[in-house]
């Protein structure tokens, strides 16, 4: 980009503005590349295993806790299902992120960059 800016004989202010616009675009694209959701098969398998474990847990607790088994089961299920819910939300970041806003900002910045390029290339 420096070679192109030098070849076009851009003023320092325009070159700085072009560099800043490209840097912002690069940062936005880079942040999108970091997001990679876990395949849904893993999420479903974890959930199935958790429910199987919670279904069989009272059988293991009954002898030691007796009547307290129901309360212990509910407390353990509440904790584990809460953790599983948070994990599911973290595994699907695209549901929680404002993707439409990110795309609109990227499109706006790309169009501004294109307009700057056309203006600088054609002297308009």
Foldseek 3Di string as FASTA:
>chain_A
DVVVCVVLVPDPVLVVVLVVLVVVLVVLVVVVVVDDADDVVVLVVVVVVLVVCLVCVLVVCCVPPPVCSVVVSVVVNVVVVVVSVVVVCVRCVVVVDPVVVSVVVSVVSVVVSVVSCCCSVVVD
